[in-house]
Amino acid sequence: MTEQAQHPTIKQFHARQTTGNGIARPQTLDREWLRQVCLEAGADDAGFVEIDRPEIADQKTDIFWLLPKAKTLISFVVRMNRENIRTPARSIANLEFHHTTDEANEVARKIVTVLEGIGVRALNGGAVGFPMEADRWGSKMWLVSHKPVAVAAGLGHMWMHYTSSFKTSKQQWLQ
């Protein structure tokens, strides 16, 4: 049996620590750099919200439950195909919602991967669109509401989410 230090995963980890992983970490995570990371991951637009913003004060407890030292939330949007949503055929509209949801989750995963790769703790802020926390049945079944975060990030207005912008929103949290 080989020593733990000789395991391929451990060797890869140490190699990245010594030579870097190809991604240059900026001295500070500025908005333009973060926005570029989001766009390169596939987002159509992105905005940022500091944890102490009053617009998300009611979400803070839940955010800290998931990532206790969170400082910033990233909110991004992915465009939907307009006519697929406008059609009266429910099967087509439903498929568009599902594909865009999957795409948004993949974009979120890529953003978190880049951030973790440079040593920034980040968390994909929960599933897009559908509440998944069934153990909370009868109360709040979602972790953090994406819409108020998107509004605070300057990505739209409440009640305009799917009707005029045809975008789905997603968020990540940085620590």
N, C-alpha and C. Protein backbone atom coordinates (compact mmCIF):
# COMPACT_ATOMS: atom_id res chain seq x y z
N MET A 1 0.84 -1.18 0.00
CA MET A 1 0.00 0.00 0.00
C MET A 1 0.89 1.25 0.00
N THR A 2 0.55 2.20 -0.86
CA THR A 2 1.36 3.41 -0.95
C THR A 2 0.99 4.38 0.15
N GLU A 3 1.90 5.28 0.43
CA GLU A 3 1.61 6.31 1.42
C GLU A 3 0.55 7.26 0.89
N GLN A 4 -0.14 7.90 1.80
CA GLN A 4 -1.18 8.84 1.42
C GLN A 4 -0.63 9.96 0.53
N ALA A 5 0.55 10.42 0.80
CA ALA A 5 1.16 11.51 0.01
C ALA A 5 1.40 11.10 -1.44
N GLN A 6 1.44 9.80 -1.71
CA GLN A 6 1.68 9.32 -3.07
C GLN A 6 0.38 9.13 -3.86
N HIS A 7 -0.75 9.33 -3.22
CA HIS A 7 -2.04 9.18 -3.91
C HIS A 7 -2.13 10.22 -5.02
N PRO A 8 -2.63 9.87 -6.21
CA PRO A 8 -2.69 10.81 -7.34
C PRO A 8 -3.44 12.11 -7.02
N THR A 9 -4.51 12.02 -6.26
CA THR A 9 -5.28 13.23 -5.92
C THR A 9 -4.46 14.15 -5.03
N ILE A 10 -3.76 13.58 -4.06
CA ILE A 10 -2.92 14.37 -3.16
C ILE A 10 -1.77 15.00 -3.96
N LYS A 11 -1.18 14.24 -4.87
CA LYS A 11 -0.10 14.77 -5.71
C LYS A 11 -0.60 15.95 -6.56
N GLN A 12 -1.79 15.80 -7.14
CA GLN A 12 -2.38 16.88 -7.95
C GLN A 12 -2.58 18.13 -7.11
N PHE A 13 -3.10 17.95 -5.92
CA PHE A 13 -3.35 19.07 -5.02
C PHE A 13 -2.05 19.82 -4.74
N HIS A 14 -1.00 19.10 -4.39
CA HIS A 14 0.28 19.73 -4.08
C HIS A 14 0.89 20.39 -5.31
N ALA A 15 0.72 19.80 -6.48
CA ALA A 15 1.23 20.41 -7.71
C ALA A 15 0.55 21.74 -7.99
N ARG A 16 -0.77 21.80 -7.77
CA ARG A 16 -1.50 23.06 -7.97
C ARG A 16 -1.03 24.12 -6.99
N GLN A 17 -0.74 23.71 -5.78
CA GLN A 17 -0.29 24.66 -4.76
C GLN A 17 1.07 25.25 -5.14
N THR A 18 1.93 24.43 -5.76
CA THR A 18 3.26 24.91 -6.09
C THR A 18 3.30 25.67 -7.40
N THR A 19 2.63 25.14 -8.42
CA THR A 19 2.74 25.75 -9.75
C THR A 19 1.54 26.62 -10.10
N GLY A 20 0.51 26.58 -9.32
CA GLY A 20 -0.70 27.32 -9.65
C GLY A 20 -1.59 26.48 -10.53
N ASN A 21 -2.82 26.92 -10.70
CA ASN A 21 -3.77 26.14 -11.51
C ASN A 21 -4.11 26.85 -12.81
N GLY A 22 -3.30 27.80 -13.21
CA GLY A 22 -3.54 28.49 -14.47
C GLY A 22 -4.43 29.71 -14.35
N ILE A 23 -5.01 29.94 -13.19
CA ILE A 23 -5.89 31.09 -12.99
C ILE A 23 -5.18 32.05 -12.05
N ALA A 24 -4.99 33.26 -12.52
CA ALA A 24 -4.31 34.25 -11.68
C ALA A 24 -5.32 34.88 -10.73
N ARG A 25 -5.05 34.75 -9.44
CA ARG A 25 -5.93 35.36 -8.45
C ARG A 25 -5.57 36.84 -8.32
N PRO A 26 -6.55 37.70 -8.53
CA PRO A 26 -6.28 39.13 -8.36
C PRO A 26 -6.07 39.44 -6.88
N GLN A 27 -5.39 40.57 -6.61
CA GLN A 27 -5.16 40.97 -5.22
C GLN A 27 -6.48 41.12 -4.48
N THR A 28 -7.45 41.76 -5.13
CA THR A 28 -8.80 41.87 -4.58
C THR A 28 -9.76 41.38 -5.65
N LEU A 29 -10.88 40.86 -5.22
CA LEU A 29 -11.87 40.38 -6.17
C LEU A 29 -12.74 41.56 -6.59
N ASP A 30 -12.32 42.26 -7.63
CA ASP A 30 -13.10 43.42 -8.05
C ASP A 30 -14.28 43.00 -8.91
N ARG A 31 -15.23 43.89 -9.04
CA ARG A 31 -16.47 43.62 -9.76
C ARG A 31 -16.24 43.21 -11.20
N GLU A 32 -15.36 43.90 -11.88
CA GLU A 32 -15.15 43.58 -13.30
C GLU A 32 -14.55 42.20 -13.49
N TRP A 33 -13.61 41.83 -12.63
CA TRP A 33 -13.02 40.49 -12.71
C TRP A 33 -14.09 39.43 -12.44
N LEU A 34 -14.88 39.64 -11.37
CA LEU A 34 -15.95 38.68 -11.04
C LEU A 34 -16.99 38.61 -12.16
N ARG A 35 -17.35 39.74 -12.70
CA ARG A 35 -18.34 39.76 -13.79
C ARG A 35 -17.80 38.98 -14.99
N GLN A 36 -16.53 39.15 -15.31
CA GLN A 36 -15.93 38.43 -16.42
C GLN A 36 -15.94 36.92 -16.17
N VAL A 37 -15.66 36.51 -14.93
CA VAL A 37 -15.74 35.08 -14.58
C VAL A 37 -17.14 34.56 -14.85
N CYS A 38 -18.15 35.33 -14.46
CA CYS A 38 -19.55 34.92 -14.66
C CYS A 38 -19.90 34.82 -16.14
N LEU A 39 -19.48 35.80 -16.93
CA LEU A 39 -19.77 35.79 -18.36
C LEU A 39 -19.06 34.64 -19.06
N GLU A 40 -17.82 34.39 -18.69
CA GLU A 40 -17.08 33.28 -19.29
C GLU A 40 -17.68 31.93 -18.91
N ALA A 41 -18.35 31.87 -17.76
CA ALA A 41 -19.01 30.63 -17.34
C ALA A 41 -20.33 30.42 -18.07
N GLY A 42 -20.81 31.46 -18.78
CA GLY A 42 -22.04 31.32 -19.56
C GLY A 42 -23.18 32.21 -19.15
N ALA A 43 -23.00 33.06 -18.14
CA ALA A 43 -24.06 33.98 -17.73
C ALA A 43 -24.22 35.07 -18.79
N ASP A 44 -25.43 35.57 -18.94
CA ASP A 44 -25.68 36.69 -19.86
C ASP A 44 -25.49 38.03 -19.18
N ASP A 45 -25.61 38.08 -17.88
CA ASP A 45 -25.36 39.28 -17.11
C ASP A 45 -25.13 38.87 -15.67
N ALA A 46 -24.47 39.73 -14.90
CA ALA A 46 -24.18 39.41 -13.50
C ALA A 46 -24.11 40.69 -12.69
N GLY A 47 -24.48 40.58 -11.42
CA GLY A 47 -24.39 41.69 -10.49
C GLY A 47 -24.02 41.15 -9.12
N PHE A 48 -23.71 42.07 -8.21
CA PHE A 48 -23.19 41.67 -6.92
C PHE A 48 -23.89 42.42 -5.81
N VAL A 49 -24.05 41.76 -4.67
CA VAL A 49 -24.75 42.35 -3.53
C VAL A 49 -23.93 42.07 -2.27
N GLU A 50 -23.56 43.13 -1.57
CA GLU A 50 -22.85 42.98 -0.31
C GLU A 50 -23.84 42.45 0.73
N ILE A 51 -23.35 41.63 1.63
CA ILE A 51 -24.20 40.95 2.60
C ILE A 51 -24.97 41.91 3.51
N ASP A 52 -24.46 43.10 3.72
CA ASP A 52 -25.11 44.05 4.62
C ASP A 52 -26.12 44.97 3.94
N ARG A 53 -26.44 44.73 2.69
CA ARG A 53 -27.41 45.57 2.00
C ARG A 53 -28.80 45.38 2.61
N PRO A 54 -29.52 46.47 2.88
CA PRO A 54 -30.84 46.36 3.52
C PRO A 54 -31.86 45.57 2.70
N GLU A 55 -31.70 45.53 1.38
CA GLU A 55 -32.65 44.82 0.52
C GLU A 55 -32.69 43.33 0.79
N ILE A 56 -31.63 42.79 1.36
CA ILE A 56 -31.59 41.34 1.62
C ILE A 56 -31.47 41.03 3.11
N ALA A 57 -31.74 42.00 3.96
CA ALA A 57 -31.62 41.82 5.42
C ALA A 57 -32.43 40.62 5.91
N ASP A 58 -33.61 40.40 5.34
CA ASP A 58 -34.45 39.29 5.78
C ASP A 58 -33.91 37.93 5.34
N GLN A 59 -32.90 37.91 4.48
CA GLN A 59 -32.32 36.66 3.98
C GLN A 59 -31.03 36.28 4.72
N LYS A 60 -30.50 37.23 5.48
CA LYS A 60 -29.17 37.09 6.08
C LYS A 60 -29.02 35.85 6.97
N THR A 61 -30.00 35.58 7.79
CA THR A 61 -29.93 34.43 8.69
C THR A 61 -29.75 33.14 7.92
N ASP A 62 -30.52 32.97 6.85
CA ASP A 62 -30.43 31.75 6.04
C ASP A 62 -29.11 31.68 5.29
N ILE A 63 -28.63 32.83 4.81
CA ILE A 63 -27.35 32.85 4.11
C ILE A 63 -26.24 32.41 5.05
N PHE A 64 -26.22 32.97 6.27
CA PHE A 64 -25.19 32.62 7.24
C PHE A 64 -25.32 31.18 7.73
N TRP A 65 -26.52 30.62 7.71
CA TRP A 65 -26.70 29.22 8.07
C TRP A 65 -25.94 28.33 7.08
N LEU A 66 -25.93 28.74 5.80
CA LEU A 66 -25.28 27.95 4.76
C LEU A 66 -23.79 28.25 4.61
N LEU A 67 -23.42 29.53 4.71
CA LEU A 67 -22.02 29.94 4.57
C LEU A 67 -21.78 31.04 5.60
N PRO A 68 -21.38 30.64 6.81
CA PRO A 68 -21.34 31.57 7.95
C PRO A 68 -20.56 32.86 7.78
N LYS A 69 -19.55 32.88 6.93
CA LYS A 69 -18.76 34.09 6.76
C LYS A 69 -19.00 34.76 5.41
N ALA A 70 -20.16 34.53 4.83
CA ALA A 70 -20.47 35.11 3.51
C ALA A 70 -20.34 36.63 3.56
N LYS A 71 -19.79 37.20 2.49
CA LYS A 71 -19.62 38.64 2.41
C LYS A 71 -20.34 39.25 1.21
N THR A 72 -20.43 38.49 0.13
CA THR A 72 -20.99 39.00 -1.11
C THR A 72 -21.82 37.91 -1.77
N LEU A 73 -22.89 38.32 -2.44
CA LEU A 73 -23.68 37.40 -3.24
C LEU A 73 -23.53 37.80 -4.70
N ILE A 74 -23.36 36.80 -5.54
CA ILE A 74 -23.33 37.02 -6.98
C ILE A 74 -24.70 36.60 -7.49
N SER A 75 -25.30 37.46 -8.27
CA SER A 75 -26.55 37.10 -8.93
C SER A 75 -26.30 37.17 -10.43
N PHE A 76 -26.77 36.20 -11.18
CA PHE A 76 -26.59 36.25 -12.63
C PHE A 76 -27.86 35.79 -13.33
N VAL A 77 -27.94 36.11 -14.60
CA VAL A 77 -29.09 35.71 -15.39
C VAL A 77 -28.63 34.93 -16.61
N VAL A 78 -29.52 34.06 -17.06
CA VAL A 78 -29.34 33.29 -18.29
C VAL A 78 -30.60 33.51 -19.11
N ARG A 79 -30.43 33.91 -20.33
CA ARG A 79 -31.60 34.20 -21.18
C ARG A 79 -32.33 32.92 -21.60
N MET A 80 -33.64 33.08 -21.74
CA MET A 80 -34.48 32.01 -22.26
C MET A 80 -34.82 32.34 -23.70
N ASN A 81 -35.18 31.33 -24.48
CA ASN A 81 -35.63 31.56 -25.85
C ASN A 81 -37.06 32.11 -25.79
N ARG A 82 -37.22 33.32 -26.26
CA ARG A 82 -38.46 34.08 -26.11
C ARG A 82 -39.70 33.36 -26.65
N GLU A 83 -39.65 32.90 -27.87
CA GLU A 83 -40.84 32.29 -28.48
C GLU A 83 -41.21 30.97 -27.81
N ASN A 84 -40.22 30.28 -27.27
CA ASN A 84 -40.52 29.03 -26.55
C ASN A 84 -41.36 29.29 -25.30
N ILE A 85 -41.18 30.46 -24.70
CA ILE A 85 -41.95 30.81 -23.51
C ILE A 85 -43.32 31.38 -23.90
N ARG A 86 -43.40 32.05 -25.02
CA ARG A 86 -44.64 32.68 -25.46
C ARG A 86 -45.66 31.70 -26.04
N THR A 87 -45.19 30.57 -26.47
CA THR A 87 -46.09 29.63 -27.15
C THR A 87 -47.18 29.12 -26.20
N PRO A 88 -48.38 28.87 -26.72
CA PRO A 88 -49.42 28.28 -25.88
C PRO A 88 -49.20 26.78 -25.61
N ALA A 89 -48.24 26.18 -26.32
CA ALA A 89 -47.95 24.76 -26.12
C ALA A 89 -47.14 24.59 -24.84
N ARG A 90 -47.77 24.07 -23.82
CA ARG A 90 -47.14 23.92 -22.52
C ARG A 90 -45.88 23.05 -22.57
N SER A 91 -45.88 22.02 -23.42
CA SER A 91 -44.72 21.13 -23.50
C SER A 91 -43.48 21.87 -23.96
N ILE A 92 -43.63 22.80 -24.88
CA ILE A 92 -42.48 23.57 -25.38
C ILE A 92 -41.99 24.55 -24.31
N ALA A 93 -42.92 25.28 -23.71
CA ALA A 93 -42.53 26.25 -22.66
C ALA A 93 -41.88 25.53 -21.47
N ASN A 94 -42.46 24.42 -21.07
CA ASN A 94 -41.92 23.66 -19.95
C ASN A 94 -40.50 23.18 -20.24
N LEU A 95 -40.28 22.71 -21.44
CA LEU A 95 -38.95 22.24 -21.83
C LEU A 95 -37.94 23.39 -21.77
N GLU A 96 -38.35 24.58 -22.22
CA GLU A 96 -37.46 25.74 -22.17
C GLU A 96 -37.10 26.09 -20.72
N PHE A 97 -38.08 26.08 -19.85
CA PHE A 97 -37.80 26.35 -18.43
C PHE A 97 -36.80 25.33 -17.87
N HIS A 98 -37.01 24.07 -18.18
CA HIS A 98 -36.12 23.03 -17.66
C HIS A 98 -34.70 23.15 -18.22
N HIS A 99 -34.58 23.39 -19.52
CA HIS A 99 -33.25 23.54 -20.11
C HIS A 99 -32.51 24.75 -19.54
N THR A 100 -33.23 25.87 -19.38
CA THR A 100 -32.59 27.07 -18.85
C THR A 100 -32.22 26.89 -17.38
N THR A 101 -33.05 26.19 -16.64
CA THR A 101 -32.73 25.89 -15.25
C THR A 101 -31.45 25.06 -15.17
N ASP A 102 -31.34 24.03 -16.01
CA ASP A 102 -30.13 23.21 -16.03
C ASP A 102 -28.91 24.05 -16.42
N GLU A 103 -29.08 24.92 -17.41
CA GLU A 103 -27.98 25.78 -17.85
C GLU A 103 -27.54 26.72 -16.72
N ALA A 104 -28.50 27.32 -16.02
CA ALA A 104 -28.16 28.22 -14.91
C ALA A 104 -27.43 27.47 -13.80
N ASN A 105 -27.85 26.28 -13.50
CA ASN A 105 -27.16 25.49 -12.47
C ASN A 105 -25.73 25.15 -12.90
N GLU A 106 -25.53 24.87 -14.19
CA GLU A 106 -24.19 24.57 -14.70
C GLU A 106 -23.30 25.81 -14.67
N VAL A 107 -23.85 26.97 -15.03
CA VAL A 107 -23.09 28.22 -14.96
C VAL A 107 -22.67 28.47 -13.51
N ALA A 108 -23.58 28.28 -12.57
CA ALA A 108 -23.27 28.48 -11.15
C ALA A 108 -22.15 27.56 -10.71
N ARG A 109 -22.21 26.33 -11.15
CA ARG A 109 -21.18 25.36 -10.78
C ARG A 109 -19.82 25.79 -11.31
N LYS A 110 -19.77 26.29 -12.54
CA LYS A 110 -18.51 26.75 -13.13
C LYS A 110 -17.94 27.93 -12.36
N ILE A 111 -18.79 28.87 -11.99
CA ILE A 111 -18.33 30.04 -11.23
C ILE A 111 -17.73 29.61 -9.90
N VAL A 112 -18.43 28.74 -9.18
CA VAL A 112 -17.93 28.25 -7.90
C VAL A 112 -16.61 27.52 -8.08
N THR A 113 -16.49 26.73 -9.13
CA THR A 113 -15.25 26.00 -9.40
C THR A 113 -14.08 26.95 -9.61
N VAL A 114 -14.27 28.01 -10.39
CA VAL A 114 -13.21 29.00 -10.60
C VAL A 114 -12.81 29.65 -9.29
N LEU A 115 -13.81 30.07 -8.51
CA LEU A 115 -13.51 30.75 -7.25
C LEU A 115 -12.80 29.83 -6.27
N GLU A 116 -13.26 28.61 -6.15
CA GLU A 116 -12.59 27.66 -5.26
C GLU A 116 -11.17 27.38 -5.74
N GLY A 117 -10.97 27.39 -7.05
CA GLY A 117 -9.65 27.16 -7.62
C GLY A 117 -8.63 28.21 -7.24
N ILE A 118 -9.08 29.40 -6.88
CA ILE A 118 -8.15 30.45 -6.46
C ILE A 118 -8.22 30.67 -4.95
N GLY A 119 -8.87 29.75 -4.25
CA GLY A 119 -8.88 29.81 -2.79
C GLY A 119 -9.99 30.64 -2.17
N VAL A 120 -11.02 30.98 -2.93
CA VAL A 120 -12.15 31.74 -2.40
C VAL A 120 -13.26 30.75 -2.08
N ARG A 121 -13.71 30.75 -0.83
CA ARG A 121 -14.83 29.87 -0.47
C ARG A 121 -16.09 30.39 -1.15
N ALA A 122 -16.78 29.52 -1.84
CA ALA A 122 -17.98 29.91 -2.57
C ALA A 122 -18.98 28.77 -2.51
N LEU A 123 -20.25 29.12 -2.61
CA LEU A 123 -21.32 28.14 -2.51
C LEU A 123 -22.36 28.45 -3.57
N ASN A 124 -22.78 27.41 -4.28
CA ASN A 124 -23.88 27.56 -5.23
C ASN A 124 -25.15 27.74 -4.40
N GLY A 125 -25.82 28.88 -4.56
CA GLY A 125 -26.89 29.29 -3.66
C GLY A 125 -28.22 28.59 -3.78
N GLY A 126 -28.26 27.35 -4.16
CA GLY A 126 -29.52 26.61 -4.18
C GLY A 126 -30.08 26.43 -5.58
N ALA A 127 -30.96 25.49 -5.70
CA ALA A 127 -31.54 25.15 -7.00
C ALA A 127 -32.33 26.32 -7.57
N VAL A 128 -32.27 26.47 -8.88
CA VAL A 128 -33.03 27.50 -9.57
C VAL A 128 -34.50 27.10 -9.62
N GLY A 129 -35.38 28.04 -9.35
CA GLY A 129 -36.78 27.91 -9.68
C GLY A 129 -37.70 27.12 -8.78
N PHE A 130 -37.28 25.98 -8.32
CA PHE A 130 -38.21 25.11 -7.61
C PHE A 130 -37.73 24.86 -6.19
N PRO A 131 -38.55 25.12 -5.20
CA PRO A 131 -38.14 24.85 -3.81
C PRO A 131 -37.84 23.37 -3.63
N MET A 132 -36.74 23.08 -2.98
CA MET A 132 -36.30 21.70 -2.86
C MET A 132 -36.21 21.20 -1.42
N GLU A 133 -36.35 22.08 -0.46
CA GLU A 133 -36.16 21.69 0.93
C GLU A 133 -37.47 21.13 1.49
N ALA A 134 -37.80 19.91 1.09
CA ALA A 134 -39.08 19.30 1.44
C ALA A 134 -39.22 19.06 2.94
N ASP A 135 -38.09 19.01 3.66
CA ASP A 135 -38.17 18.83 5.11
C ASP A 135 -38.77 20.07 5.78
N ARG A 136 -38.91 21.15 5.02
CA ARG A 136 -39.51 22.39 5.55
C ARG A 136 -40.98 22.53 5.11
N TRP A 137 -41.58 21.44 4.70
CA TRP A 137 -42.96 21.47 4.20
C TRP A 137 -43.86 22.25 5.15
N GLY A 138 -44.69 23.10 4.58
CA GLY A 138 -45.61 23.88 5.37
C GLY A 138 -45.06 25.24 5.78
N SER A 139 -43.75 25.47 5.50
CA SER A 139 -43.15 26.77 5.77
C SER A 139 -42.30 27.15 4.56
N LYS A 140 -41.25 27.85 4.77
CA LYS A 140 -40.37 28.29 3.68
C LYS A 140 -39.54 27.11 3.17
N MET A 141 -39.82 26.65 1.96
CA MET A 141 -39.16 25.47 1.41
C MET A 141 -37.94 25.81 0.55
N TRP A 142 -37.59 27.08 0.41
CA TRP A 142 -36.42 27.46 -0.36
C TRP A 142 -35.36 27.97 0.60
N LEU A 143 -34.11 27.98 0.16
CA LEU A 143 -33.03 28.44 1.03
C LEU A 143 -33.01 29.96 1.11
N VAL A 144 -32.81 30.60 -0.01
CA VAL A 144 -32.78 32.06 -0.09
C VAL A 144 -33.49 32.43 -1.38
N SER A 145 -34.33 33.43 -1.33
CA SER A 145 -35.08 33.84 -2.51
C SER A 145 -34.18 34.57 -3.50
N HIS A 146 -34.08 34.04 -4.71
CA HIS A 146 -33.19 34.61 -5.73
C HIS A 146 -33.67 35.97 -6.24
N LYS A 147 -34.96 36.17 -6.32
CA LYS A 147 -35.47 37.40 -6.93
C LYS A 147 -35.06 38.67 -6.18
N PRO A 148 -35.22 38.76 -4.86
CA PRO A 148 -34.78 40.00 -4.18
C PRO A 148 -33.28 40.24 -4.32
N VAL A 149 -32.51 39.16 -4.39
CA VAL A 149 -31.06 39.31 -4.57
C VAL A 149 -30.78 39.84 -5.97
N ALA A 150 -31.47 39.32 -6.98
CA ALA A 150 -31.29 39.80 -8.35
C ALA A 150 -31.68 41.27 -8.47
N VAL A 151 -32.76 41.67 -7.83
CA VAL A 151 -33.18 43.08 -7.85
C VAL A 151 -32.12 43.95 -7.18
N ALA A 152 -31.62 43.52 -6.01
CA ALA A 152 -30.59 44.28 -5.30
C ALA A 152 -29.30 44.38 -6.13
N ALA A 153 -29.05 43.37 -6.96
CA ALA A 153 -27.86 43.36 -7.81
C ALA A 153 -28.05 44.20 -9.07
N GLY A 154 -29.25 44.75 -9.26
CA GLY A 154 -29.50 45.59 -10.43
C GLY A 154 -29.83 44.82 -11.69
N LEU A 155 -30.33 43.60 -11.55
CA LEU A 155 -30.59 42.77 -12.72
C LEU A 155 -32.06 42.73 -13.14
N GLY A 156 -32.88 43.55 -12.57
CA GLY A 156 -34.28 43.55 -12.98
C GLY A 156 -35.17 44.11 -11.89
N HIS A 157 -36.46 43.92 -12.08
CA HIS A 157 -37.47 44.42 -11.15
C HIS A 157 -38.39 43.27 -10.77
N MET A 158 -38.91 43.31 -9.57
CA MET A 158 -39.86 42.30 -9.14
C MET A 158 -41.08 42.34 -10.04
N TRP A 159 -41.63 41.20 -10.33
CA TRP A 159 -42.81 40.99 -11.17
C TRP A 159 -42.48 41.07 -12.65
N MET A 160 -41.25 41.27 -13.00
CA MET A 160 -40.89 41.35 -14.41
C MET A 160 -40.02 40.16 -14.83
N HIS A 161 -39.86 39.20 -13.97
CA HIS A 161 -38.88 38.14 -14.15
C HIS A 161 -39.05 37.41 -15.48
N TYR A 162 -40.13 36.72 -15.68
CA TYR A 162 -40.28 35.94 -16.90
C TYR A 162 -41.12 36.65 -17.96
N THR A 163 -41.94 37.60 -17.57
CA THR A 163 -42.88 38.16 -18.52
C THR A 163 -42.24 39.06 -19.55
N SER A 164 -41.21 39.83 -19.18
CA SER A 164 -40.63 40.70 -20.19
C SER A 164 -39.14 40.46 -20.41
N SER A 165 -38.44 39.96 -19.43
CA SER A 165 -37.00 39.81 -19.60
C SER A 165 -36.61 38.41 -20.08
N PHE A 166 -37.45 37.43 -19.85
CA PHE A 166 -37.19 36.06 -20.26
C PHE A 166 -35.82 35.59 -19.80
N LYS A 167 -35.56 35.78 -18.51
CA LYS A 167 -34.30 35.37 -17.91
C LYS A 167 -34.61 34.57 -16.66
N THR A 168 -33.68 33.74 -16.29
CA THR A 168 -33.78 33.06 -15.02
C THR A 168 -32.58 33.49 -14.18
N SER A 169 -32.78 33.64 -12.90
CA SER A 169 -31.69 34.16 -12.07
C SER A 169 -31.11 33.07 -11.18
N LYS A 170 -29.90 33.31 -10.75
CA LYS A 170 -29.18 32.35 -9.92
C LYS A 170 -28.23 33.15 -9.06
N GLN A 171 -27.78 32.58 -7.98
CA GLN A 171 -26.85 33.30 -7.10
C GLN A 171 -25.81 32.37 -6.53
N GLN A 172 -24.67 32.94 -6.18
CA GLN A 172 -23.64 32.25 -5.42
C GLN A 172 -23.27 33.16 -4.26
N TRP A 173 -22.64 32.59 -3.27
CA TRP A 173 -22.24 33.37 -2.10
C TRP A 173 -20.75 33.21 -1.95
N LEU A 174 -20.10 34.32 -1.67
CA LEU A 174 -18.65 34.32 -1.48
C LEU A 174 -18.32 34.63 -0.05
N GLN A 175 -17.26 34.07 0.41
CA GLN A 175 -16.82 34.29 1.78
C GLN A 175 -15.43 34.87 1.74
